[in-house]
């Protein structure tokens, strides 16, 4: 029973994460948002993230 509850909770968390991602993408797609310049600090952070090497197992401890 506990395993089913844990699986159900994990599924709910995934759905919540996906819902939040969709909301963020819809917000970012709005023309008034897209027309605003992106702060340099955000671009620097994105560049740093993209420069990192890719792990084959990103969730492994």
Protein backbone atom coordinates (compact mmCIF):
# COMPACT_ATOMS: atom_id res chain seq x y z
CA UNK A 1 0.00 0.00 0.00
CA UNK A 2 2.82 2.41 0.85
CA UNK A 3 4.45 1.77 -2.52
CA UNK A 4 1.23 2.65 -4.35
CA UNK A 5 0.94 5.86 -2.31
CA UNK A 6 4.55 6.76 -3.13
CA UNK A 7 3.98 6.09 -6.84
CA UNK A 8 0.79 8.14 -6.79
CA UNK A 9 2.58 11.01 -5.08
CA UNK A 10 5.44 10.87 -7.59
CA UNK A 11 2.93 10.97 -10.46
CA UNK A 12 1.17 13.96 -8.88
CA UNK A 13 4.51 15.76 -8.50
CA UNK A 14 5.36 15.09 -12.16
CA UNK A 15 1.99 16.40 -13.29
CA UNK A 16 2.41 19.52 -11.15
CA UNK A 17 5.91 20.10 -12.57
CA UNK A 18 4.64 19.66 -16.12
CA UNK A 19 1.71 21.97 -15.50
CA UNK A 20 4.04 24.64 -14.11
CA UNK A 21 6.35 24.23 -17.13
CA UNK A 22 3.45 24.67 -19.55
CA UNK A 23 2.27 27.77 -17.66
CA UNK A 24 5.78 29.26 -17.80
CA UNK A 25 6.10 28.55 -21.52
CA UNK A 26 2.71 30.11 -22.23
CA UNK A 27 3.70 33.19 -20.23
CA UNK A 28 7.02 33.46 -22.07
CA UNK A 29 5.24 33.18 -25.43
CA UNK A 30 3.12 36.28 -24.83
CA UNK A 31 4.16 39.08 -27.25
CA UNK A 32 4.49 41.69 -24.50
CA UNK A 33 6.87 39.41 -22.61
CA UNK A 34 8.85 38.37 -25.70
CA UNK A 35 9.45 41.99 -26.65
CA UNK A 36 11.26 42.72 -23.37
CA UNK A 37 15.05 42.39 -23.35
CA UNK A 38 16.56 39.59 -21.34
CA UNK A 39 18.76 40.71 -18.42
CA UNK A 40 22.48 40.05 -19.01
CA UNK A 41 22.75 38.06 -15.77
CA UNK A 42 20.12 35.61 -17.03
CA UNK A 43 21.98 35.16 -20.32
CA UNK A 44 25.25 34.59 -18.46
CA UNK A 45 23.60 31.94 -16.31
CA UNK A 46 22.17 30.18 -19.35
CA UNK A 47 25.52 30.24 -21.11
CA UNK A 48 27.20 28.77 -18.03
CA UNK A 49 24.59 26.02 -17.83
CA UNK A 50 24.97 25.18 -21.52
CA UNK A 51 28.77 25.10 -21.20
CA UNK A 52 28.62 22.30 -18.60
CA UNK A 53 29.34 18.78 -19.77
CA UNK A 54 26.36 16.51 -20.08
CA UNK A 55 26.09 13.63 -17.65
CA UNK A 56 24.78 10.37 -19.00
CA UNK A 57 22.99 9.82 -15.68
CA UNK A 58 22.01 13.29 -14.46
CA UNK A 59 19.98 12.02 -11.50
CA UNK A 60 22.50 9.50 -10.19
CA UNK A 61 24.03 10.30 -6.83
